[in-house]
Amino acid sequence: MLLHLLGLCNENTRFPLSEIKDDTKKLVKNCLQELQLL
């Protein structure tokens, strides 16, 4: 489930999952929050 959501975020941000850093984690967190609001 989480990987699926990360995939949705990855499509929008174009960040490879292998390059997840603190800033990227924040973007993913924001994306997950937005998905929950939809």
C-alpha atoms as a PDB file:
ATOM      1  CA  MET A   1       0.000   0.000   0.000  1.00  0.00           C
ATOM      2  CA  LEU A   2       2.737   2.439   1.012  1.00  0.00           C
ATOM      3  CA  LEU A   3       4.849   1.588  -2.027  1.00  0.00           C
ATOM      4  CA  HIS A   4       1.800   2.157  -4.230  1.00  0.00           C
ATOM      5  CA  LEU A   5       1.279   5.612  -2.711  1.00  0.00           C
ATOM      6  CA  LEU A   6       4.987   6.360  -3.086  1.00  0.00           C
ATOM      7  CA  GLY A   7       4.634   5.354  -6.724  1.00  0.00           C
ATOM      8  CA  LEU A   8       1.864   7.917  -7.179  1.00  0.00           C
ATOM      9  CA  CYS A   9       4.023  10.577  -5.542  1.00  0.00           C
ATOM     10  CA  ASN A  10       7.021   9.463  -7.587  1.00  0.00           C
ATOM     11  CA  GLU A  11       5.078  10.044 -10.804  1.00  0.00           C
ATOM     12  CA  ASN A  12       4.478  13.640  -9.760  1.00  0.00           C
ATOM     13  CA  THR A  13       7.893  14.476  -8.308  1.00  0.00           C
ATOM     14  CA  ARG A  14      10.056  12.391 -10.665  1.00  0.00           C
ATOM     15  CA  PHE A  15      12.349  11.439  -7.772  1.00  0.00           C
ATOM     16  CA  PRO A  16      13.913   7.979  -7.988  1.00  0.00           C
ATOM     17  CA  LEU A  17      13.100   6.039  -4.820  1.00  0.00           C
ATOM     18  CA  SER A  18      16.804   5.230  -4.470  1.00  0.00           C
ATOM     19  CA  GLU A  19      17.556   8.924  -3.999  1.00  0.00           C
ATOM     20  CA  ILE A  20      15.143   9.568  -1.137  1.00  0.00           C
ATOM     21  CA  LYS A  21      16.676  12.108   1.218  1.00  0.00           C
ATOM     22  CA  ASP A  22      15.299  14.294   4.008  1.00  0.00           C
ATOM     23  CA  ASP A  23      13.922  16.887   1.577  1.00  0.00           C
ATOM     24  CA  THR A  24      12.428  14.177  -0.605  1.00  0.00           C
ATOM     25  CA  LYS A  25      10.871  12.511   2.427  1.00  0.00           C
ATOM     26  CA  LYS A  26       9.168  15.828   3.219  1.00  0.00           C
ATOM     27  CA  LEU A  27       7.805  16.003  -0.342  1.00  0.00           C
ATOM     28  CA  VAL A  28       6.545  12.430  -0.092  1.00  0.00           C
ATOM     29  CA  LYS A  29       4.962  13.187   3.281  1.00  0.00           C
ATOM     30  CA  ASN A  30       3.204  16.207   1.790  1.00  0.00           C
ATOM     31  CA  CYS A  31       2.049  14.127  -1.161  1.00  0.00           C
ATOM     32  CA  LEU A  32       0.670  11.438   1.140  1.00  0.00           C
ATOM     33  CA  GLN A  33      -1.188  14.090   3.137  1.00  0.00           C
ATOM     34  CA  GLU A  34      -2.678  15.500  -0.068  1.00  0.00           C
ATOM     35  CA  LEU A  35      -3.788  12.035  -1.183  1.00  0.00           C
ATOM     36  CA  GLN A  36      -5.546  11.546   2.150  1.00  0.00           C
ATOM     37  CA  LEU A  37      -7.407  14.821   1.612  1.00  0.00           C
ATOM     38  CA  LEU A  38      -8.698  13.766  -1.814  1.00  0.00           C
END
